Amino acid sequence: MTTEIIGTDAGDARITWHPANKARLVLAVSHGAGGGIEARDLRALAQTLPGHGVSVALVEQPWRVAGKKVASPPKTLDVGWRGIWPAVAGPGLPVISGGRSAGARVACRTAVELGAAAVLALSFPLHPPGRPEKSRAHELLGSGMPTLVVQGGNDPFGKPEEFPEGAYELVEVPYGDHGFAVPKKADLTQEQAVTLITDAVVKWAGSLG
């Protein structure tokens, strides 16, 4: 694991690398507006994917590196993501553009422009909680790349059945909330829920290229 600071037009971003021994892909993945790279799904992917030929670059947006508590506006997040792209593309491998929540929106919005090989959208915020009329489906549908959505079955930002039909794959994590936490009464454990996420991404990444 190595860490590097990358200067962007939105400020300094940080990349924490979890390299694969014989990498064939890079997954660059960022956090949401309310948390960092310590999120359970991001940690699990960083631990699991390198064993399957995928190097993982956990990206912290400049607002997070600067210690701010509130995320930057979407356009500024896009600026930060563009700024880190040369570093994640540096190894010369196809790059999956990924993120959770707000980071998933960034990945979808910029995938074509940056030449991503695919998009991984974790907990895509289809709409603000309780505001289904404020749909962001156009961002997801406009990714222009092979896209995998992994969504909690009880995500207040958009349950799987709310998602429109489109050219993407969707994997549901039963009972999961926006952070993929599952209640104790669920018939799967928290560990099983996280394994469901990593298994889905490993399988999908294996189908790319």
N, C-alpha and C. Protein backbone atom coordinates (compact mmCIF):
# COMPACT_ATOMS: atom_id res chain seq x y z
N MET A 1 0.85 -1.19 0.00
CA MET A 1 0.00 0.00 0.00
C MET A 1 0.88 1.23 0.00
N THR A 2 0.64 2.13 -0.94
CA THR A 2 1.37 3.39 -1.00
C THR A 2 0.37 4.54 -1.16
N THR A 3 0.80 5.72 -0.73
CA THR A 3 -0.06 6.90 -0.79
C THR A 3 0.66 8.01 -1.52
N GLU A 4 -0.06 8.73 -2.37
CA GLU A 4 0.53 9.88 -3.05
C GLU A 4 -0.46 11.04 -3.07
N ILE A 5 0.09 12.24 -3.03
CA ILE A 5 -0.70 13.47 -3.12
C ILE A 5 -0.65 13.95 -4.57
N ILE A 6 -1.81 14.26 -5.11
CA ILE A 6 -1.92 14.71 -6.49
C ILE A 6 -2.51 16.11 -6.51
N GLY A 7 -1.79 17.04 -7.08
CA GLY A 7 -2.32 18.39 -7.22
C GLY A 7 -3.35 18.46 -8.32
N THR A 8 -4.52 19.04 -8.02
CA THR A 8 -5.56 19.24 -9.03
C THR A 8 -5.99 20.70 -9.00
N ASP A 9 -6.79 21.10 -9.97
CA ASP A 9 -7.29 22.48 -10.01
C ASP A 9 -8.30 22.74 -8.89
N ALA A 10 -8.71 21.70 -8.18
CA ALA A 10 -9.61 21.85 -7.04
C ALA A 10 -8.88 21.73 -5.71
N GLY A 11 -7.55 21.59 -5.77
CA GLY A 11 -6.77 21.38 -4.55
C GLY A 11 -6.08 20.03 -4.58
N ASP A 12 -5.38 19.70 -3.51
CA ASP A 12 -4.65 18.44 -3.44
C ASP A 12 -5.59 17.27 -3.14
N ALA A 13 -5.52 16.24 -3.98
CA ALA A 13 -6.23 14.98 -3.74
C ALA A 13 -5.21 13.96 -3.25
N ARG A 14 -5.72 12.84 -2.75
CA ARG A 14 -4.83 11.80 -2.25
C ARG A 14 -5.26 10.45 -2.80
N ILE A 15 -4.29 9.67 -3.26
CA ILE A 15 -4.56 8.33 -3.76
C ILE A 15 -3.83 7.32 -2.88
N THR A 16 -4.57 6.34 -2.39
CA THR A 16 -3.98 5.22 -1.65
C THR A 16 -4.06 4.00 -2.55
N TRP A 17 -2.90 3.50 -2.94
CA TRP A 17 -2.81 2.38 -3.88
C TRP A 17 -2.77 1.03 -3.17
N HIS A 18 -3.55 0.10 -3.68
CA HIS A 18 -3.51 -1.30 -3.26
C HIS A 18 -3.22 -2.10 -4.54
N PRO A 19 -1.94 -2.30 -4.85
CA PRO A 19 -1.58 -2.87 -6.16
C PRO A 19 -1.73 -4.38 -6.22
N ALA A 20 -2.10 -4.85 -7.41
CA ALA A 20 -2.10 -6.29 -7.69
C ALA A 20 -0.72 -6.68 -8.21
N ASN A 21 -0.32 -7.92 -7.94
CA ASN A 21 0.99 -8.39 -8.42
C ASN A 21 1.06 -8.42 -9.94
N LYS A 22 0.03 -8.96 -10.56
CA LYS A 22 -0.03 -9.02 -12.02
C LYS A 22 -1.33 -8.35 -12.46
N ALA A 23 -1.32 -7.04 -12.42
CA ALA A 23 -2.54 -6.27 -12.68
C ALA A 23 -2.89 -6.27 -14.17
N ARG A 24 -4.18 -6.39 -14.44
CA ARG A 24 -4.67 -6.22 -15.81
C ARG A 24 -5.65 -5.07 -15.90
N LEU A 25 -6.10 -4.58 -14.74
CA LEU A 25 -7.02 -3.44 -14.66
C LEU A 25 -6.67 -2.60 -13.44
N VAL A 26 -7.09 -1.35 -13.49
CA VAL A 26 -7.04 -0.48 -12.31
C VAL A 26 -8.47 -0.05 -11.99
N LEU A 27 -8.86 -0.16 -10.73
CA LEU A 27 -10.12 0.42 -10.27
C LEU A 27 -9.79 1.67 -9.48
N ALA A 28 -10.15 2.83 -10.03
CA ALA A 28 -10.03 4.10 -9.31
C ALA A 28 -11.39 4.40 -8.72
N VAL A 29 -11.47 4.51 -7.41
CA VAL A 29 -12.77 4.61 -6.76
C VAL A 29 -12.72 5.65 -5.64
N SER A 30 -13.75 6.51 -5.59
CA SER A 30 -13.76 7.57 -4.60
C SER A 30 -14.95 7.44 -3.66
N HIS A 31 -14.93 8.23 -2.63
CA HIS A 31 -15.91 8.18 -1.54
C HIS A 31 -17.12 9.06 -1.83
N GLY A 32 -18.05 9.06 -0.90
CA GLY A 32 -19.24 9.89 -1.03
C GLY A 32 -19.09 11.24 -0.36
N ALA A 33 -20.21 11.96 -0.28
CA ALA A 33 -20.19 13.30 0.29
C ALA A 33 -20.17 13.29 1.81
N GLY A 34 -20.48 12.15 2.41
CA GLY A 34 -20.57 12.12 3.86
C GLY A 34 -19.53 11.25 4.54
N GLY A 35 -18.54 10.79 3.80
CA GLY A 35 -17.54 9.91 4.39
C GLY A 35 -16.31 9.82 3.52
N GLY A 36 -15.41 8.93 3.93
CA GLY A 36 -14.15 8.80 3.21
C GLY A 36 -13.90 7.39 2.73
N ILE A 37 -12.63 7.07 2.49
CA ILE A 37 -12.28 5.78 1.92
C ILE A 37 -12.32 4.66 2.95
N GLU A 38 -12.71 4.99 4.19
CA GLU A 38 -12.87 3.95 5.21
C GLU A 38 -14.22 3.25 5.10
N ALA A 39 -15.05 3.64 4.17
CA ALA A 39 -16.36 2.99 3.98
C ALA A 39 -16.17 1.49 3.79
N ARG A 40 -17.10 0.70 4.33
CA ARG A 40 -16.94 -0.76 4.36
C ARG A 40 -16.77 -1.37 2.96
N ASP A 41 -17.51 -0.84 1.98
CA ASP A 41 -17.41 -1.41 0.64
C ASP A 41 -16.08 -1.07 -0.01
N LEU A 42 -15.60 0.15 0.18
CA LEU A 42 -14.31 0.54 -0.40
C LEU A 42 -13.16 -0.24 0.23
N ARG A 43 -13.20 -0.39 1.54
CA ARG A 43 -12.16 -1.18 2.23
C ARG A 43 -12.15 -2.62 1.72
N ALA A 44 -13.33 -3.20 1.58
CA ALA A 44 -13.41 -4.59 1.15
C ALA A 44 -12.90 -4.77 -0.27
N LEU A 45 -13.22 -3.85 -1.15
CA LEU A 45 -12.74 -3.94 -2.53
C LEU A 45 -11.22 -3.81 -2.57
N ALA A 46 -10.67 -2.92 -1.76
CA ALA A 46 -9.21 -2.74 -1.74
C ALA A 46 -8.50 -3.98 -1.22
N GLN A 47 -9.16 -4.71 -0.34
CA GLN A 47 -8.56 -5.93 0.21
C GLN A 47 -8.69 -7.12 -0.74
N THR A 48 -9.76 -7.13 -1.53
CA THR A 48 -10.10 -8.31 -2.32
C THR A 48 -9.62 -8.26 -3.76
N LEU A 49 -9.82 -7.14 -4.44
CA LEU A 49 -9.58 -7.10 -5.88
C LEU A 49 -8.13 -7.33 -6.31
N PRO A 50 -7.13 -6.85 -5.54
CA PRO A 50 -5.76 -7.10 -5.98
C PRO A 50 -5.44 -8.60 -6.16
N GLY A 51 -6.11 -9.45 -5.42
CA GLY A 51 -5.92 -10.88 -5.58
C GLY A 51 -6.54 -11.44 -6.85
N HIS A 52 -7.26 -10.59 -7.57
CA HIS A 52 -7.91 -10.99 -8.82
C HIS A 52 -7.43 -10.15 -10.00
N GLY A 53 -6.23 -9.62 -9.88
CA GLY A 53 -5.62 -8.91 -11.00
C GLY A 53 -6.07 -7.48 -11.19
N VAL A 54 -6.69 -6.89 -10.17
CA VAL A 54 -7.16 -5.51 -10.28
C VAL A 54 -6.50 -4.66 -9.18
N SER A 55 -5.65 -3.72 -9.60
CA SER A 55 -5.10 -2.76 -8.64
C SER A 55 -6.18 -1.76 -8.25
N VAL A 56 -6.22 -1.40 -6.99
CA VAL A 56 -7.25 -0.48 -6.50
C VAL A 56 -6.59 0.83 -6.07
N ALA A 57 -7.11 1.93 -6.60
CA ALA A 57 -6.67 3.27 -6.20
C ALA A 57 -7.83 3.93 -5.46
N LEU A 58 -7.70 4.05 -4.14
CA LEU A 58 -8.72 4.72 -3.34
C LEU A 58 -8.43 6.21 -3.37
N VAL A 59 -9.36 6.97 -3.89
CA VAL A 59 -9.14 8.40 -4.14
C VAL A 59 -9.91 9.25 -3.13
N GLU A 60 -9.19 10.16 -2.49
CA GLU A 60 -9.82 11.12 -1.58
C GLU A 60 -9.86 12.48 -2.28
N GLN A 61 -11.07 13.01 -2.41
CA GLN A 61 -11.26 14.29 -3.08
C GLN A 61 -10.60 15.43 -2.28
N PRO A 62 -10.21 16.51 -2.96
CA PRO A 62 -9.54 17.62 -2.28
C PRO A 62 -10.25 18.16 -1.05
N TRP A 63 -11.58 18.23 -1.07
CA TRP A 63 -12.29 18.74 0.10
C TRP A 63 -12.03 17.88 1.32
N ARG A 64 -11.92 16.58 1.08
CA ARG A 64 -11.67 15.64 2.19
C ARG A 64 -10.23 15.77 2.69
N VAL A 65 -9.29 15.88 1.76
CA VAL A 65 -7.88 16.03 2.13
C VAL A 65 -7.67 17.32 2.92
N ALA A 66 -8.43 18.35 2.57
CA ALA A 66 -8.30 19.64 3.25
C ALA A 66 -8.96 19.65 4.62
N GLY A 67 -9.63 18.56 4.98
CA GLY A 67 -10.25 18.46 6.30
C GLY A 67 -11.61 19.10 6.42
N LYS A 68 -12.22 19.43 5.28
CA LYS A 68 -13.55 20.04 5.32
C LYS A 68 -14.61 18.98 5.61
N LYS A 69 -15.71 19.41 6.20
CA LYS A 69 -16.77 18.48 6.58
C LYS A 69 -17.90 18.41 5.53
N VAL A 70 -17.90 19.36 4.62
CA VAL A 70 -18.95 19.41 3.60
C VAL A 70 -18.32 19.23 2.23
N ALA A 71 -18.90 18.36 1.42
CA ALA A 71 -18.35 18.09 0.10
C ALA A 71 -18.48 19.30 -0.82
N SER A 72 -17.60 19.35 -1.79
CA SER A 72 -17.64 20.40 -2.81
C SER A 72 -18.84 20.18 -3.73
N PRO A 73 -19.25 21.22 -4.47
CA PRO A 73 -20.33 21.06 -5.46
C PRO A 73 -19.93 20.06 -6.54
N PRO A 74 -20.91 19.48 -7.23
CA PRO A 74 -20.62 18.46 -8.24
C PRO A 74 -19.57 18.87 -9.27
N LYS A 75 -19.65 20.08 -9.79
CA LYS A 75 -18.68 20.49 -10.81
C LYS A 75 -17.26 20.49 -10.26
N THR A 76 -17.11 20.87 -8.99
CA THR A 76 -15.78 20.88 -8.38
C THR A 76 -15.29 19.46 -8.14
N LEU A 77 -16.20 18.56 -7.78
CA LEU A 77 -15.82 17.15 -7.65
C LEU A 77 -15.31 16.61 -8.97
N ASP A 78 -15.97 16.99 -10.06
CA ASP A 78 -15.53 16.54 -11.39
C ASP A 78 -14.13 17.06 -11.70
N VAL A 79 -13.85 18.30 -11.31
CA VAL A 79 -12.53 18.88 -11.53
C VAL A 79 -11.46 18.08 -10.78
N GLY A 80 -11.75 17.73 -9.54
CA GLY A 80 -10.81 16.93 -8.76
C GLY A 80 -10.57 15.56 -9.39
N TRP A 81 -11.64 14.95 -9.89
CA TRP A 81 -11.53 13.61 -10.50
C TRP A 81 -10.71 13.67 -11.79
N ARG A 82 -10.95 14.71 -12.59
CA ARG A 82 -10.14 14.88 -13.80
C ARG A 82 -8.66 15.03 -13.44
N GLY A 83 -8.41 15.72 -12.34
CA GLY A 83 -7.03 15.98 -11.94
C GLY A 83 -6.25 14.74 -11.53
N ILE A 84 -6.96 13.76 -10.95
CA ILE A 84 -6.25 12.54 -10.51
C ILE A 84 -6.12 11.53 -11.63
N TRP A 85 -6.86 11.72 -12.72
CA TRP A 85 -6.94 10.69 -13.75
C TRP A 85 -5.58 10.32 -14.35
N PRO A 86 -4.71 11.29 -14.68
CA PRO A 86 -3.41 10.89 -15.24
C PRO A 86 -2.62 9.95 -14.32
N ALA A 87 -2.79 10.11 -13.01
CA ALA A 87 -2.07 9.25 -12.07
C ALA A 87 -2.61 7.82 -12.08
N VAL A 88 -3.93 7.67 -12.15
CA VAL A 88 -4.50 6.32 -12.13
C VAL A 88 -4.35 5.64 -13.49
N ALA A 89 -4.24 6.45 -14.55
CA ALA A 89 -4.01 5.89 -15.88
C ALA A 89 -2.53 5.67 -16.15
N GLY A 90 -1.68 6.16 -15.25
CA GLY A 90 -0.24 6.08 -15.44
C GLY A 90 0.32 4.69 -15.67
N PRO A 91 -0.18 3.66 -14.98
CA PRO A 91 0.34 2.31 -15.21
C PRO A 91 0.08 1.77 -16.63
N GLY A 92 -0.74 2.48 -17.40
CA GLY A 92 -0.99 2.05 -18.79
C GLY A 92 -2.00 0.93 -18.92
N LEU A 93 -2.80 0.72 -17.89
CA LEU A 93 -3.82 -0.32 -17.91
C LEU A 93 -5.21 0.30 -18.08
N PRO A 94 -6.20 -0.47 -18.56
CA PRO A 94 -7.57 0.04 -18.58
C PRO A 94 -8.01 0.42 -17.18
N VAL A 95 -8.72 1.53 -17.07
CA VAL A 95 -9.14 2.04 -15.76
C VAL A 95 -10.65 1.99 -15.63
N ILE A 96 -11.13 1.33 -14.57
CA ILE A 96 -12.54 1.39 -14.20
C ILE A 96 -12.72 2.64 -13.35
N SER A 97 -13.63 3.51 -13.76
CA SER A 97 -13.92 4.71 -12.99
C SER A 97 -15.03 4.38 -12.01
N GLY A 98 -14.76 4.55 -10.73
CA GLY A 98 -15.73 4.12 -9.73
C GLY A 98 -15.90 5.10 -8.59
N GLY A 99 -16.96 4.88 -7.84
CA GLY A 99 -17.19 5.70 -6.67
C GLY A 99 -18.44 5.23 -5.95
N ARG A 100 -18.57 5.68 -4.70
CA ARG A 100 -19.80 5.40 -3.97
C ARG A 100 -20.54 6.72 -3.78
N SER A 101 -21.86 6.67 -3.92
CA SER A 101 -22.74 7.81 -3.72
C SER A 101 -22.33 8.98 -4.62
N ALA A 102 -21.96 10.12 -4.05
CA ALA A 102 -21.56 11.26 -4.88
C ALA A 102 -20.41 10.91 -5.80
N GLY A 103 -19.52 10.03 -5.34
CA GLY A 103 -18.41 9.59 -6.18
C GLY A 103 -18.87 8.78 -7.37
N ALA A 104 -19.98 8.05 -7.22
CA ALA A 104 -20.54 7.30 -8.34
C ALA A 104 -21.08 8.24 -9.40
N ARG A 105 -21.67 9.34 -8.96
CA ARG A 105 -22.17 10.34 -9.91
C ARG A 105 -21.01 10.94 -10.71
N VAL A 106 -19.93 11.25 -10.02
CA VAL A 106 -18.75 11.79 -10.70
C VAL A 106 -18.24 10.81 -11.75
N ALA A 107 -18.14 9.54 -11.37
CA ALA A 107 -17.64 8.52 -12.29
C ALA A 107 -18.51 8.43 -13.54
N CYS A 108 -19.83 8.47 -13.35
CA CYS A 108 -20.75 8.41 -14.49
C CYS A 108 -20.62 9.64 -15.38
N ARG A 109 -20.51 10.81 -14.77
CA ARG A 109 -20.49 12.06 -15.54
C ARG A 109 -19.23 12.20 -16.38
N THR A 110 -18.12 11.62 -15.95
CA THR A 110 -16.83 11.90 -16.59
C THR A 110 -16.25 10.71 -17.35
N ALA A 111 -16.94 9.57 -17.36
CA ALA A 111 -16.35 8.34 -17.90
C ALA A 111 -15.93 8.45 -19.36
N VAL A 112 -16.84 8.95 -20.19
CA VAL A 112 -16.53 9.04 -21.62
C VAL A 112 -15.40 10.02 -21.87
N GLU A 113 -15.50 11.18 -21.24
CA GLU A 113 -14.49 12.23 -21.40
C GLU A 113 -13.08 11.74 -21.05
N LEU A 114 -12.99 10.95 -19.97
CA LEU A 114 -11.67 10.53 -19.48
C LEU A 114 -11.19 9.23 -20.12
N GLY A 115 -12.04 8.58 -20.88
CA GLY A 115 -11.62 7.34 -21.52
C GLY A 115 -11.61 6.14 -20.59
N ALA A 116 -12.54 6.12 -19.64
CA ALA A 116 -12.64 4.98 -18.73
C ALA A 116 -13.02 3.72 -19.49
N ALA A 117 -12.60 2.58 -18.96
CA ALA A 117 -12.96 1.30 -19.58
C ALA A 117 -14.35 0.85 -19.15
N ALA A 118 -14.79 1.30 -17.97
CA ALA A 118 -16.07 0.89 -17.41
C ALA A 118 -16.34 1.78 -16.20
N VAL A 119 -17.56 1.64 -15.64
CA VAL A 119 -17.95 2.43 -14.48
C VAL A 119 -18.50 1.51 -13.40
N LEU A 120 -18.05 1.72 -12.16
CA LEU A 120 -18.59 1.02 -11.00
C LEU A 120 -19.29 2.04 -10.12
N ALA A 121 -20.61 1.89 -9.96
CA ALA A 121 -21.41 2.82 -9.17
C ALA A 121 -21.91 2.11 -7.92
N LEU A 122 -21.35 2.46 -6.79
CA LEU A 122 -21.74 1.88 -5.51
C LEU A 122 -22.72 2.83 -4.82
N SER A 123 -23.88 2.32 -4.43
CA SER A 123 -24.89 3.15 -3.76
C SER A 123 -25.16 4.42 -4.57
N PHE A 124 -25.50 4.23 -5.84
CA PHE A 124 -25.78 5.40 -6.69
C PHE A 124 -26.97 6.17 -6.11
N PRO A 125 -26.80 7.47 -5.85
CA PRO A 125 -27.89 8.25 -5.25
C PRO A 125 -28.88 8.69 -6.34
N LEU A 126 -29.81 7.81 -6.63
CA LEU A 126 -30.76 8.05 -7.73
C LEU A 126 -31.57 9.32 -7.50
N HIS A 127 -31.84 9.63 -6.24
CA HIS A 127 -32.57 10.85 -5.88
C HIS A 127 -32.29 11.15 -4.42
N PRO A 128 -32.51 12.39 -3.97
CA PRO A 128 -32.41 12.67 -2.53
C PRO A 128 -33.48 11.88 -1.79
N PRO A 129 -33.22 11.50 -0.54
CA PRO A 129 -34.22 10.74 0.23
C PRO A 129 -35.57 11.43 0.25
N GLY A 130 -36.60 10.67 -0.10
CA GLY A 130 -37.95 11.21 -0.09
C GLY A 130 -38.29 12.14 -1.23
N ARG A 131 -37.39 12.28 -2.21
CA ARG A 131 -37.61 13.20 -3.33
C ARG A 131 -37.41 12.47 -4.67
N PRO A 132 -38.21 11.46 -4.96
CA PRO A 132 -38.01 10.69 -6.19
C PRO A 132 -38.16 11.53 -7.46
N GLU A 133 -38.83 12.67 -7.34
CA GLU A 133 -38.99 13.52 -8.52
C GLU A 133 -37.67 14.20 -8.93
N LYS A 134 -36.71 14.23 -8.01
CA LYS A 134 -35.40 14.84 -8.28
C LYS A 134 -34.43 13.77 -8.79
N SER A 135 -34.82 13.10 -9.85
CA SER A 135 -34.05 11.95 -10.34
C SER A 135 -32.72 12.35 -10.97
N ARG A 136 -31.71 11.52 -10.72
CA ARG A 136 -30.40 11.69 -11.34
C ARG A 136 -30.12 10.55 -12.32
N ALA A 137 -31.18 9.89 -12.74
CA ALA A 137 -31.03 8.73 -13.62
C ALA A 137 -30.27 9.07 -14.90
N HIS A 138 -30.41 10.31 -15.37
CA HIS A 138 -29.73 10.70 -16.61
C HIS A 138 -28.22 10.57 -16.49
N GLU A 139 -27.68 10.79 -15.29
CA GLU A 139 -26.23 10.65 -15.11
C GLU A 139 -25.81 9.19 -15.27
N LEU A 140 -26.56 8.30 -14.65
CA LEU A 140 -26.27 6.88 -14.76
C LEU A 140 -26.44 6.38 -16.19
N LEU A 141 -27.56 6.74 -16.79
CA LEU A 141 -27.86 6.26 -18.14
C LEU A 141 -26.92 6.87 -19.17
N GLY A 142 -26.30 7.98 -18.82
CA GLY A 142 -25.40 8.65 -19.75
C GLY A 142 -23.94 8.29 -19.56
N SER A 143 -23.64 7.28 -18.74
CA SER A 143 -22.23 6.95 -18.48
C SER A 143 -21.49 6.56 -19.76
N GLY A 144 -22.20 5.93 -20.70
CA GLY A 144 -21.61 5.60 -21.98
C GLY A 144 -20.63 4.45 -21.95
N MET A 145 -20.53 3.76 -20.83
CA MET A 145 -19.56 2.67 -20.67
C MET A 145 -20.25 1.48 -19.99
N PRO A 146 -19.66 0.28 -20.10
CA PRO A 146 -20.18 -0.83 -19.30
C PRO A 146 -20.23 -0.41 -17.83
N THR A 147 -21.39 -0.55 -17.22
CA THR A 147 -21.59 -0.01 -15.87
C THR A 147 -22.22 -1.06 -14.96
N LEU A 148 -21.65 -1.17 -13.76
CA LEU A 148 -22.23 -2.02 -12.72
C LEU A 148 -22.68 -1.14 -11.57
N VAL A 149 -23.95 -1.28 -11.20
CA VAL A 149 -24.50 -0.61 -10.02
C VAL A 149 -24.65 -1.65 -8.92
N VAL A 150 -24.15 -1.34 -7.74
CA VAL A 150 -24.37 -2.19 -6.56
C VAL A 150 -25.17 -1.35 -5.58
N GLN A 151 -26.39 -1.80 -5.27
CA GLN A 151 -27.33 -0.96 -4.53
C GLN A 151 -27.95 -1.71 -3.36
N GLY A 152 -28.02 -1.06 -2.22
CA GLY A 152 -28.69 -1.65 -1.08
C GLY A 152 -30.19 -1.76 -1.30
N GLY A 153 -30.77 -2.86 -0.88
CA GLY A 153 -32.20 -3.08 -1.07
C GLY A 153 -33.07 -2.10 -0.33
N ASN A 154 -32.51 -1.42 0.68
CA ASN A 154 -33.28 -0.45 1.46
C ASN A 154 -32.61 0.92 1.45
N ASP A 155 -31.99 1.26 0.33
CA ASP A 155 -31.27 2.53 0.22
C ASP A 155 -32.28 3.68 0.05
N PRO A 156 -32.31 4.63 0.98
CA PRO A 156 -33.27 5.73 0.87
C PRO A 156 -32.99 6.66 -0.31
N PHE A 157 -31.79 6.56 -0.89
CA PHE A 157 -31.45 7.37 -2.05
C PHE A 157 -31.86 6.69 -3.36
N GLY A 158 -32.53 5.56 -3.25
CA GLY A 158 -32.99 4.84 -4.44
C GLY A 158 -32.90 3.34 -4.25
N LYS A 159 -34.05 2.70 -4.11
CA LYS A 159 -34.08 1.23 -3.99
C LYS A 159 -33.93 0.62 -5.39
N PRO A 160 -33.43 -0.59 -5.47
CA PRO A 160 -33.20 -1.20 -6.79
C PRO A 160 -34.41 -1.17 -7.71
N GLU A 161 -35.62 -1.37 -7.16
CA GLU A 161 -36.81 -1.41 -8.02
C GLU A 161 -37.17 -0.03 -8.58
N GLU A 162 -36.56 1.03 -8.05
CA GLU A 162 -36.82 2.37 -8.56
C GLU A 162 -35.98 2.71 -9.79
N PHE A 163 -34.95 1.93 -10.04
CA PHE A 163 -34.04 2.26 -11.13
C PHE A 163 -34.68 1.99 -12.49
N PRO A 164 -34.45 2.88 -13.45
CA PRO A 164 -35.03 2.69 -14.78
C PRO A 164 -34.28 1.59 -15.54
N GLU A 165 -34.92 1.08 -16.57
CA GLU A 165 -34.22 0.14 -17.43
C GLU A 165 -33.12 0.88 -18.18
N GLY A 166 -32.04 0.15 -18.43
CA GLY A 166 -30.92 0.78 -19.13
C GLY A 166 -29.82 -0.20 -19.39
N ALA A 167 -28.79 0.27 -20.07
CA ALA A 167 -27.67 -0.59 -20.45
C ALA A 167 -26.64 -0.66 -19.33
N TYR A 168 -27.06 -1.19 -18.20
CA TYR A 168 -26.16 -1.38 -17.07
C TYR A 168 -26.62 -2.61 -16.30
N GLU A 169 -25.72 -3.14 -15.48
CA GLU A 169 -26.06 -4.26 -14.60
C GLU A 169 -26.33 -3.72 -13.21
N LEU A 170 -27.26 -4.34 -12.50
CA LEU A 170 -27.55 -3.92 -11.14
C LEU A 170 -27.56 -5.14 -10.23
N VAL A 171 -26.78 -5.06 -9.17
CA VAL A 171 -26.74 -6.11 -8.16
C VAL A 171 -27.29 -5.54 -6.86
N GLU A 172 -28.26 -6.23 -6.29
CA GLU A 172 -28.88 -5.78 -5.04
C GLU A 172 -28.22 -6.44 -3.84
N VAL A 173 -27.98 -5.64 -2.81
CA VAL A 173 -27.54 -6.15 -1.52
C VAL A 173 -28.77 -6.13 -0.62
N PRO A 174 -29.40 -7.29 -0.39
CA PRO A 174 -30.66 -7.31 0.36
C PRO A 174 -30.54 -6.62 1.72
N TYR A 175 -31.57 -5.84 2.04
CA TYR A 175 -31.68 -5.13 3.32
C TYR A 175 -30.69 -3.98 3.49
N GLY A 176 -29.73 -3.83 2.60
CA GLY A 176 -28.68 -2.85 2.79
C GLY A 176 -29.17 -1.41 2.70
N ASP A 177 -28.61 -0.54 3.55
CA ASP A 177 -28.92 0.88 3.47
C ASP A 177 -27.91 1.56 2.55
N HIS A 178 -27.79 2.87 2.64
CA HIS A 178 -26.90 3.60 1.73
C HIS A 178 -25.43 3.25 1.95
N GLY A 179 -25.10 2.82 3.17
CA GLY A 179 -23.73 2.38 3.47
C GLY A 179 -23.58 0.88 3.47
N PHE A 180 -24.59 0.17 2.94
CA PHE A 180 -24.63 -1.30 2.89
C PHE A 180 -24.67 -1.94 4.27
N ALA A 181 -25.09 -1.18 5.27
CA ALA A 181 -25.31 -1.80 6.58
C ALA A 181 -26.63 -2.57 6.53
N VAL A 182 -26.63 -3.76 7.14
CA VAL A 182 -27.84 -4.57 7.18
C VAL A 182 -28.29 -4.72 8.63
N PRO A 183 -29.60 -4.74 8.89
CA PRO A 183 -30.08 -4.87 10.27
C PRO A 183 -29.80 -6.26 10.82
N LYS A 184 -29.73 -6.35 12.14
CA LYS A 184 -29.44 -7.63 12.77
C LYS A 184 -30.51 -8.68 12.49
N LYS A 185 -31.74 -8.22 12.23
CA LYS A 185 -32.83 -9.16 11.97
C LYS A 185 -32.80 -9.72 10.55
N ALA A 186 -31.91 -9.20 9.70
CA ALA A 186 -31.83 -9.67 8.31
C ALA A 186 -31.36 -11.12 8.26
N ASP A 187 -31.73 -11.82 7.17
CA ASP A 187 -31.31 -13.22 7.07
C ASP A 187 -29.97 -13.36 6.36
N LEU A 188 -29.17 -12.29 6.35
CA LEU A 188 -27.76 -12.40 5.98
C LEU A 188 -26.98 -11.51 6.92
N THR A 189 -25.74 -11.90 7.20
CA THR A 189 -24.91 -11.14 8.12
C THR A 189 -24.26 -9.97 7.40
N GLN A 190 -23.68 -9.07 8.20
CA GLN A 190 -22.96 -7.95 7.60
C GLN A 190 -21.80 -8.45 6.75
N GLU A 191 -21.11 -9.45 7.23
CA GLU A 191 -19.99 -10.03 6.47
C GLU A 191 -20.47 -10.61 5.15
N GLN A 192 -21.61 -11.30 5.17
CA GLN A 192 -22.15 -11.87 3.93
C GLN A 192 -22.56 -10.77 2.95
N ALA A 193 -23.08 -9.68 3.48
CA ALA A 193 -23.47 -8.57 2.62
C ALA A 193 -22.25 -7.98 1.91
N VAL A 194 -21.16 -7.80 2.64
CA VAL A 194 -19.94 -7.25 2.04
C VAL A 194 -19.35 -8.23 1.03
N THR A 195 -19.41 -9.50 1.34
CA THR A 195 -18.91 -10.52 0.40
C THR A 195 -19.72 -10.52 -0.88
N LEU A 196 -21.02 -10.27 -0.76
CA LEU A 196 -21.87 -10.18 -1.94
C LEU A 196 -21.38 -9.05 -2.86
N ILE A 197 -20.99 -7.93 -2.25
CA ILE A 197 -20.47 -6.80 -3.03
C ILE A 197 -19.18 -7.19 -3.74
N THR A 198 -18.22 -7.71 -2.99
CA THR A 198 -16.92 -8.02 -3.59
C THR A 198 -17.04 -9.12 -4.63
N ASP A 199 -17.86 -10.12 -4.38
CA ASP A 199 -18.05 -11.20 -5.36
C ASP A 199 -18.62 -10.66 -6.66
N ALA A 200 -19.59 -9.75 -6.54
CA ALA A 200 -20.21 -9.18 -7.74
C ALA A 200 -19.21 -8.37 -8.55
N VAL A 201 -18.37 -7.59 -7.86
CA VAL A 201 -17.39 -6.76 -8.57
C VAL A 201 -16.29 -7.62 -9.19
N VAL A 202 -15.85 -8.65 -8.47
CA VAL A 202 -14.84 -9.56 -9.02
C VAL A 202 -15.36 -10.22 -10.30
N LYS A 203 -16.58 -10.71 -10.25
CA LYS A 203 -17.18 -11.37 -11.42
C LYS A 203 -17.31 -10.41 -12.59
N TRP A 204 -17.80 -9.22 -12.31
CA TRP A 204 -18.00 -8.22 -13.36
C TRP A 204 -16.68 -7.78 -13.95
N ALA A 205 -15.70 -7.50 -13.09
CA ALA A 205 -14.38 -7.07 -13.58
C ALA A 205 -13.74 -8.16 -14.45
N GLY A 206 -14.01 -9.41 -14.08
CA GLY A 206 -13.47 -10.52 -14.85
C GLY A 206 -14.06 -10.61 -16.25
N SER A 207 -15.24 -10.01 -16.43
CA SER A 207 -15.89 -10.05 -17.75
C SER A 207 -15.46 -8.92 -18.66
N LEU A 208 -14.71 -7.96 -18.12
CA LEU A 208 -14.29 -6.80 -18.90
C LEU A 208 -13.07 -7.14 -19.73
N GLY A 209 -13.09 -6.80 -20.95
CA GLY A 209 -11.93 -7.02 -21.82
C GLY A 209 -11.57 -8.46 -21.97
